[in-house]
Amino acid sequence: MKFVDEALIEVAAGDGGNGCASFRHEKYKEFGGPDGGDGGRGGHVYAVADEALNTLVDFRYSRRFEAQRGEHGKGSDMFGAKGEDVYLKMPVGTIVADADTGEVLHELLQPGEQILLAKGGEGGFGNLRFKSSINRAPRQKTPGHEGERKTLKLELKVLADVGLLGMPNAGKSTFIAAVSNARPKIADYPFTTLHPNLGVVRVGPEKSFVVADVPGLIEGASEGAGLGHQFLRHLQRTRLLLHVVDFAPFDDSIDPVAQARAIAAELKKYDPALYAKPRWLVLNKLDMVPAEEREAKVKDFVRRLRFKGPVFQISALTREGCEPLIQKIFQHITATREAEKPHVEVDPRFDTARQAPDAQGTLVAPPPPPSFQPDSDDPRFSRDLS
């Protein structure tokens, strides 16, 4: 399936049906009175987040979506039926913006989330609505309102906990294939990855996180070199970045330190907020470095790069060092998720689950809140039992 992360669509809600001007005709009833019904509401256009989708390719070729208009009102007090609504399924992480102003209207962040894109027009009033004691034979009716029409820009930012970035052929695809269920294309030439790949890493029962692999960057990507930085948007919602470095390049003239600095510079040019995210350094292809030379080379690399964050040594091909890295990532992601949860203050007087140690160090639950006892002298609670 072709990966598409941008699309331009037009949505048109249904127009409301017109009201009806009609009078009841019955035998032996000369003046039956008004019986024209209202028009039906036009159909709405909704967007629904579907976790089974991961691309906007369905909107690349079908670009206009129209909801059904409401039926017109009829005589005999019959109101028009409302138009059928249209539901557009979109991947989780889709941003909906106004194509003319660029204003972000909605973001689909939860599976099953439903948002209104275009509202259908209300139906017009029939002459039954205008009946009164002084206007017993109204001939007024109103037309239905037009439904909303919008041109929208859809932009997909995948939802992942961890993002991989690095130079082409650094081993990002090999790493995501080694630790997750993703099966990206792997080859010994640059730019093997042409679109983002997502993989779920299982740490244990009900313990997992999502990794996103984007095409490799090269120096000058912000000016359009290589694949440019068009896919970096998919890392903006991650909680952690893994900077994968080819620690054993095939060409001795290639300096891994210079490559790491170039990636950091391109990241900062694209988005300072993305550059400020937690970033860990992952030195890959350690299996190609002699064991007796690894420690000295790693120390020299870190000293020259002056990197202050965590540094990990792995071999994605042999999976050496991958398991400790996964455990550290999961601990970081879990701590970040807990920190993002809203804090709710609980009154300690009513928190019976909270326990505190006594003088001997034994955990003792606090006493329950005192029950209400009315004052015996209070005349409001006195009872005459005589």
Protein backbone atom coordinates (compact mmCIF):
# COMPACT_ATOMS: atom_id res chain seq x y z
CA MET A 1 0.00 0.00 0.00
CA LYS A 2 1.31 3.43 -0.88
CA PHE A 3 2.00 5.59 2.16
CA VAL A 4 0.30 9.00 1.97
CA ASP A 5 0.48 11.45 4.87
CA GLU A 6 -1.12 14.51 3.25
CA ALA A 7 -4.37 15.01 1.37
CA LEU A 8 -6.67 17.82 0.29
CA ILE A 9 -10.41 17.12 0.35
CA GLU A 10 -13.71 18.94 -0.06
CA VAL A 11 -16.66 18.17 2.19
CA ALA A 12 -20.23 19.33 1.62
CA ALA A 13 -22.97 18.78 4.14
CA GLY A 14 -26.52 18.28 2.89
CA ASP A 15 -28.90 21.20 2.43
CA GLY A 16 -32.05 21.30 4.51
CA GLY A 17 -35.34 20.44 2.84
CA ASN A 18 -37.87 23.17 2.07
CA GLY A 19 -40.99 23.66 4.14
CA CYS A 20 -44.38 22.92 2.62
CA ALA A 21 -47.44 25.19 2.34
CA SER A 22 -50.48 22.93 2.26
CA PHE A 23 -54.06 22.82 3.55
CA ARG A 24 -56.03 19.84 4.69
CA HIS A 25 -58.76 18.71 2.30
CA GLU A 26 -61.43 16.47 3.70
CA LYS A 27 -65.01 15.80 2.74
CA TYR A 28 -67.50 17.99 4.60
CA LYS A 29 -64.62 20.14 5.98
CA GLU A 30 -64.48 23.28 3.93
CA PHE A 31 -61.71 24.91 5.96
CA GLY A 32 -59.40 22.12 7.05
CA GLY A 33 -56.55 24.37 8.11
CA PRO A 34 -52.79 24.29 7.36
CA ASP A 35 -50.99 20.93 7.36
CA GLY A 36 -47.66 21.67 5.64
CA GLY A 37 -44.73 19.97 7.36
CA ASP A 38 -41.14 21.10 7.86
CA GLY A 39 -38.25 20.07 5.67
CA GLY A 40 -35.71 17.54 6.93
CA ARG A 41 -32.21 18.36 8.16
CA GLY A 42 -29.35 17.88 5.75
CA GLY A 43 -26.81 15.16 6.45
CA HIS A 44 -23.65 15.91 8.45
CA VAL A 45 -20.10 14.94 7.48
CA TYR A 46 -18.10 13.28 10.26
CA ALA A 47 -14.52 12.10 10.62
CA VAL A 48 -13.92 8.92 12.61
CA ALA A 49 -10.52 7.76 13.90
CA ASP A 50 -9.88 4.17 12.81
CA GLU A 51 -6.87 2.40 14.32
CA ALA A 52 -6.90 -0.11 11.46
CA LEU A 53 -5.74 2.61 9.03
CA ASN A 54 -2.22 3.99 8.83
CA THR A 55 -2.29 6.10 5.67
CA LEU A 56 -4.43 8.75 3.94
CA VAL A 57 -4.24 7.02 0.57
CA ASP A 58 -8.05 6.69 0.44
CA PHE A 59 -8.29 10.48 0.17
CA ARG A 60 -5.70 10.86 -2.58
CA TYR A 61 -8.10 9.94 -5.37
CA SER A 62 -11.57 10.46 -3.84
CA ARG A 63 -11.47 14.08 -2.81
CA ARG A 64 -15.07 15.26 -2.65
CA PHE A 65 -17.58 13.96 -0.15
CA GLU A 66 -21.22 15.08 -0.09
CA ALA A 67 -23.92 14.23 2.42
CA GLN A 68 -27.52 13.71 1.38
CA ARG A 69 -29.88 16.67 1.49
CA GLY A 70 -33.00 16.61 3.64
CA GLU A 71 -36.35 15.80 2.08
CA HIS A 72 -38.92 18.54 1.53
CA GLY A 73 -41.92 18.81 3.82
CA LYS A 74 -45.25 17.46 2.62
CA GLY A 75 -48.91 17.90 3.31
CA SER A 76 -50.92 15.95 5.88
CA ASP A 77 -48.51 17.10 8.61
CA MET A 78 -45.64 15.09 7.11
CA PHE A 79 -42.15 16.33 7.89
CA GLY A 80 -39.29 15.60 5.52
CA ALA A 81 -36.78 12.89 6.42
CA LYS A 82 -33.28 14.00 7.38
CA GLY A 83 -30.43 13.30 5.01
CA GLU A 84 -28.02 10.44 5.67
CA ASP A 85 -24.79 11.38 7.40
CA VAL A 86 -21.37 10.62 5.89
CA TYR A 87 -18.60 9.09 8.02
CA LEU A 88 -15.02 9.38 6.79
CA LYS A 89 -12.60 6.92 8.38
CA MET A 90 -9.15 8.40 9.02
CA PRO A 91 -6.00 7.10 10.74
CA VAL A 92 -5.42 7.92 14.38
CA GLY A 93 -3.12 10.95 14.49
CA THR A 94 -4.75 12.83 11.60
CA ILE A 95 -4.82 16.62 11.83
CA VAL A 96 -7.70 18.39 10.07
CA ALA A 97 -6.99 22.00 9.07
CA ASP A 98 -8.74 24.65 7.00
CA ALA A 99 -7.04 24.66 3.61
CA ASP A 100 -7.59 28.39 3.09
CA THR A 101 -6.50 29.79 6.47
CA GLY A 102 -4.28 26.96 7.73
CA GLU A 103 -6.14 26.93 11.06
CA VAL A 104 -6.11 23.55 12.78
CA LEU A 105 -9.73 22.52 13.35
CA HIS A 106 -9.47 19.06 14.87
CA GLU A 107 -7.00 16.34 15.84
CA LEU A 108 -7.92 12.67 15.95
CA LEU A 109 -5.92 11.26 18.84
CA GLN A 110 -8.10 8.44 20.23
CA PRO A 111 -9.37 5.33 18.39
CA GLY A 112 -13.07 5.66 17.69
CA GLU A 113 -13.04 9.43 18.21
CA GLN A 114 -15.67 11.18 16.10
CA ILE A 115 -15.69 14.84 15.08
CA LEU A 116 -18.04 16.96 12.99
CA LEU A 117 -16.45 18.30 9.81
CA ALA A 118 -19.46 19.94 8.13
CA LYS A 119 -22.87 20.57 9.62
CA GLY A 120 -26.01 19.89 7.60
CA GLY A 121 -28.48 22.69 6.97
CA GLU A 122 -31.64 22.91 9.01
CA GLY A 123 -34.93 22.22 7.28
CA GLY A 124 -37.34 25.02 6.40
CA PHE A 125 -40.63 25.62 8.20
CA GLY A 126 -43.95 24.57 6.73
CA ASN A 127 -47.07 26.68 7.06
CA LEU A 128 -48.17 24.56 10.03
CA ARG A 129 -45.54 26.45 12.04
CA PHE A 130 -47.16 29.81 11.32
CA LYS A 131 -50.67 28.92 12.45
CA SER A 132 -52.01 31.17 15.19
CA SER A 133 -55.28 32.53 16.52
CA ILE A 134 -55.04 35.55 14.26
CA ASN A 135 -53.47 33.76 11.28
CA ARG A 136 -55.54 30.66 10.72
CA ALA A 137 -54.73 30.17 7.06
CA PRO A 138 -50.99 30.96 6.77
CA ARG A 139 -49.40 30.59 3.41
CA GLN A 140 -45.86 31.25 4.62
CA LYS A 141 -43.11 28.69 4.27
CA THR A 142 -39.33 28.94 4.44
CA PRO A 143 -36.65 27.27 2.36
CA GLY A 144 -34.09 24.96 3.91
CA HIS A 145 -30.70 26.26 4.98
CA GLU A 146 -27.58 25.38 3.03
CA GLY A 147 -25.17 22.86 4.50
CA GLU A 148 -21.58 23.79 5.28
CA ARG A 149 -18.98 23.42 2.56
CA LYS A 150 -15.30 23.32 3.39
CA THR A 151 -11.95 22.60 1.79
CA LEU A 152 -9.82 20.73 4.32
CA LYS A 153 -6.20 19.74 4.48
CA LEU A 154 -5.46 16.41 6.14
CA GLU A 155 -2.05 15.77 7.65
CA LEU A 156 -1.05 12.54 9.35
CA LYS A 157 1.33 12.46 12.30
CA VAL A 158 1.71 8.90 13.47
CA LEU A 159 1.31 8.21 17.18
CA ALA A 160 4.39 6.51 18.59
CA ASP A 161 6.24 6.49 21.89
CA VAL A 162 9.75 6.24 20.43
CA GLY A 163 11.14 7.65 17.20
CA LEU A 164 14.24 6.49 15.31
CA LEU A 165 16.37 8.94 13.41
CA GLY A 166 19.77 8.78 11.81
CA MET A 167 21.68 8.70 8.56
CA PRO A 168 20.62 6.34 5.76
CA ASN A 169 21.93 2.81 6.27
CA ALA A 170 22.54 3.37 9.99
CA GLY A 171 20.56 0.23 10.82
CA LYS A 172 17.26 1.72 11.95
CA SER A 173 15.15 -0.74 9.96
CA THR A 174 17.25 -3.66 11.22
CA PHE A 175 16.75 -2.47 14.78
CA ILE A 176 12.97 -2.07 14.53
CA ALA A 177 12.72 -5.50 12.89
CA ALA A 178 14.83 -7.04 15.68
CA VAL A 179 12.82 -5.64 18.61
CA SER A 180 9.25 -5.37 17.24
CA ASN A 181 6.72 -7.00 14.97
CA ALA A 182 7.49 -4.64 12.08
CA ARG A 183 9.01 -6.12 8.95
CA PRO A 184 10.43 -3.20 6.94
CA LYS A 185 12.51 -3.56 3.82
CA ILE A 186 16.19 -4.07 4.67
CA ALA A 187 19.02 -3.79 2.13
CA ASP A 188 22.65 -2.73 1.95
CA TYR A 189 22.05 0.54 0.12
CA PRO A 190 20.93 3.99 1.33
CA PHE A 191 17.29 5.15 1.43
CA THR A 192 15.88 1.65 1.71
CA THR A 193 13.12 3.08 3.89
CA LEU A 194 10.91 5.40 1.84
CA HIS A 195 8.03 5.89 4.29
CA PRO A 196 7.54 5.62 8.07
CA ASN A 197 7.19 2.18 9.63
CA LEU A 198 5.52 1.43 12.97
CA GLY A 199 6.35 -1.48 15.24
CA VAL A 200 4.99 -2.62 18.59
CA VAL A 201 7.64 -3.74 21.08
CA ARG A 202 6.38 -6.30 23.59
CA VAL A 203 8.22 -6.06 26.91
CA GLY A 204 5.91 -8.37 28.86
CA PRO A 205 2.23 -9.17 29.43
CA GLU A 206 0.30 -5.94 28.83
CA LYS A 207 3.59 -4.06 28.61
CA SER A 208 4.48 -2.55 25.26
CA PHE A 209 5.36 0.62 23.41
CA VAL A 210 5.31 1.78 19.78
CA VAL A 211 8.43 2.61 17.73
CA ALA A 212 8.39 4.73 14.56
CA ASP A 213 11.11 4.46 11.93
CA VAL A 214 11.35 7.33 9.42
CA PRO A 215 13.52 7.59 6.29
CA GLY A 216 17.11 8.56 6.94
CA LEU A 217 18.31 12.15 6.97
CA ILE A 218 21.39 13.57 5.34
CA GLU A 219 23.12 16.91 5.71
CA GLY A 220 21.14 19.59 3.90
CA ALA A 221 17.79 17.84 4.36
CA SER A 222 16.23 21.13 5.48
CA GLU A 223 17.04 22.48 1.99
CA GLY A 224 15.49 19.43 0.32
CA ALA A 225 18.53 17.15 -0.01
CA GLY A 226 17.77 13.44 -0.08
CA LEU A 227 14.20 12.80 0.97
CA GLY A 228 14.20 16.12 2.78
CA HIS A 229 12.66 16.35 6.23
CA GLN A 230 9.04 15.82 5.18
CA PHE A 231 8.71 12.76 7.42
CA LEU A 232 10.08 14.35 10.59
CA ARG A 233 6.55 15.43 11.51
CA HIS A 234 5.92 11.82 12.48
CA LEU A 235 8.39 12.19 15.37
CA GLN A 236 6.73 15.26 16.89
CA ARG A 237 4.38 13.25 19.10
CA THR A 238 6.97 10.82 20.39
CA ARG A 239 8.17 10.80 23.99
CA LEU A 240 11.75 9.73 23.20
CA LEU A 241 14.12 9.91 20.23
CA LEU A 242 16.74 7.24 19.52
CA HIS A 243 19.59 8.63 17.46
CA VAL A 244 21.02 5.58 15.69
CA VAL A 245 24.64 5.98 14.59
CA ASP A 246 26.53 3.73 12.18
CA PHE A 247 29.57 3.09 14.37
CA ALA A 248 31.37 1.01 11.73
CA PRO A 249 30.93 2.76 8.36
CA PHE A 250 32.09 0.86 5.28
CA ASP A 251 34.20 3.86 4.19
CA ASP A 252 37.04 4.83 6.52
CA SER A 253 36.77 8.44 5.38
CA ILE A 254 33.29 8.72 6.93
CA ASP A 255 33.36 10.20 10.45
CA PRO A 256 30.47 8.99 12.67
CA VAL A 257 30.91 12.07 14.89
CA ALA A 258 30.41 14.44 11.95
CA GLN A 259 27.34 12.47 10.88
CA ALA A 260 25.84 12.63 14.37
CA ARG A 261 26.41 16.39 14.53
CA ALA A 262 24.82 16.85 11.09
CA ILE A 263 21.67 14.99 12.17
CA ALA A 264 21.40 17.10 15.34
CA ALA A 265 21.81 20.29 13.29
CA GLU A 266 19.10 19.28 10.79
CA LEU A 267 16.77 18.38 13.66
CA LYS A 268 17.26 21.79 15.25
CA LYS A 269 16.64 23.58 11.93
CA TYR A 270 13.40 21.71 11.37
CA ASP A 271 11.83 22.16 14.81
CA PRO A 272 13.54 23.39 18.02
CA ALA A 273 10.82 21.69 20.08
CA LEU A 274 11.65 18.37 18.43
CA TYR A 275 15.34 18.97 19.07
CA ALA A 276 14.58 19.59 22.76
CA LYS A 277 12.92 16.18 23.21
CA PRO A 278 14.82 13.53 25.21
CA ARG A 279 17.34 11.99 22.81
CA TRP A 280 19.45 8.90 23.42
CA LEU A 281 22.46 7.89 21.39
CA VAL A 282 22.50 4.32 20.04
CA LEU A 283 25.81 3.16 18.59
CA ASN A 284 24.93 0.40 16.16
CA LYS A 285 26.95 -2.28 14.29
CA LEU A 286 29.21 -3.03 17.28
CA ASP A 287 29.61 -6.57 15.90
CA MET A 288 31.85 -5.13 13.18
CA VAL A 289 34.23 -3.57 15.71
CA PRO A 290 36.83 -5.83 17.39
CA ALA A 291 35.93 -6.47 21.03
CA GLU A 292 39.28 -5.19 22.32
CA GLU A 293 38.82 -1.86 20.49
CA ARG A 294 35.19 -1.11 21.40
CA GLU A 295 35.68 0.57 24.75
CA ALA A 296 38.39 2.93 23.53
CA LYS A 297 36.45 3.86 20.37
CA VAL A 298 33.23 4.51 22.27
CA LYS A 299 35.00 6.75 24.80
CA ASP A 300 36.69 8.68 21.99
CA PHE A 301 33.38 9.07 20.15
CA VAL A 302 31.53 10.42 23.20
CA ARG A 303 34.42 12.74 24.07
CA ARG A 304 34.56 14.25 20.60
CA LEU A 305 30.77 14.55 20.25
CA ARG A 306 30.37 16.00 23.77
CA PHE A 307 27.05 14.26 24.12
CA LYS A 308 25.48 14.59 27.58
CA GLY A 309 22.63 12.09 27.30
CA PRO A 310 22.56 8.29 27.67
CA VAL A 311 24.68 6.27 25.23
CA PHE A 312 23.96 2.63 24.35
CA GLN A 313 26.03 0.12 22.40
CA ILE A 314 24.14 -2.46 20.34
CA SER A 315 24.26 -4.68 17.33
CA ALA A 316 20.84 -4.78 15.70
CA LEU A 317 21.95 -7.64 13.47
CA THR A 318 22.97 -9.98 16.31
CA ARG A 319 20.60 -8.29 18.84
CA GLU A 320 23.48 -7.77 21.22
CA GLY A 321 22.60 -5.04 23.74
CA CYS A 322 19.01 -4.69 22.43
CA GLU A 323 17.27 -6.20 25.46
CA PRO A 324 18.81 -3.83 28.05
CA LEU A 325 18.01 -0.92 25.75
CA ILE A 326 14.36 -2.03 25.46
CA GLN A 327 14.03 -2.29 29.24
CA LYS A 328 15.46 1.22 29.73
CA ILE A 329 13.13 2.62 27.07
CA PHE A 330 10.09 1.02 28.69
CA GLN A 331 11.05 2.43 32.11
CA HIS A 332 11.39 5.90 30.59
CA ILE A 333 8.10 5.65 28.69
CA THR A 334 6.25 4.40 31.79
CA ALA A 335 7.62 7.24 33.91
CA THR A 336 6.69 9.78 31.23
CA ARG A 337 3.15 8.41 30.95
CA GLU A 338 2.71 8.64 34.72
CA ALA A 339 3.99 12.22 34.75
CA GLU A 340 1.52 13.19 32.00
CA LYS A 341 -1.49 11.94 33.96
CA PRO A 342 -3.51 14.73 35.58
CA HIS A 343 -2.91 15.05 39.32
CA VAL A 344 -6.04 14.75 41.46
CA GLU A 345 -5.93 15.99 45.04
CA VAL A 346 -7.56 13.63 47.53
CA ASP A 347 -8.69 14.81 50.96
CA PRO A 348 -6.69 12.63 53.43
CA ARG A 349 -9.67 12.53 55.77
CA PHE A 350 -11.59 10.46 53.23
CA ASP A 351 -8.68 8.52 51.71
CA THR A 352 -9.11 5.26 53.61
CA ALA A 353 -6.64 3.45 51.33
CA ARG A 354 -3.73 5.64 52.44
CA GLN A 355 -1.55 4.02 55.11
CA ALA A 356 1.19 5.39 57.35
CA PRO A 357 3.81 3.57 59.47
CA ASP A 358 3.47 3.60 63.25
CA ALA A 359 6.31 3.83 65.75
CA GLN A 360 7.32 0.20 65.08
CA GLY A 361 7.26 0.72 61.32
CA THR A 362 4.05 -1.23 60.75
CA LEU A 363 1.70 0.16 58.12
CA VAL A 364 -1.52 1.26 59.76
CA ALA A 365 -4.55 2.54 57.93
CA PRO A 366 -5.85 5.88 59.22
CA PRO A 367 -9.06 5.78 61.24
CA PRO A 368 -12.26 6.30 59.26
CA PRO A 369 -13.81 9.75 59.30
CA PRO A 370 -15.98 10.31 62.40
CA SER A 371 -19.66 9.63 61.93
CA PHE A 372 -22.12 12.40 62.54
CA GLN A 373 -23.56 12.47 66.07
CA PRO A 374 -26.23 15.09 66.79
CA ASP A 375 -25.92 17.16 69.91
CA SER A 376 -28.41 15.95 72.54
CA ASP A 377 -29.05 19.54 73.62
CA ASP A 378 -29.87 20.66 70.09
CA PRO A 379 -33.65 21.22 70.00
CA ARG A 380 -33.71 20.24 66.32
CA PHE A 381 -32.92 16.63 67.24
CA SER A 382 -34.83 16.34 70.55
CA ARG A 383 -37.69 13.86 70.72
CA ASP A 384 -40.42 13.78 73.32
CA LEU A 385 -40.91 10.10 74.17
CA SER A 386 -43.44 10.70 76.95
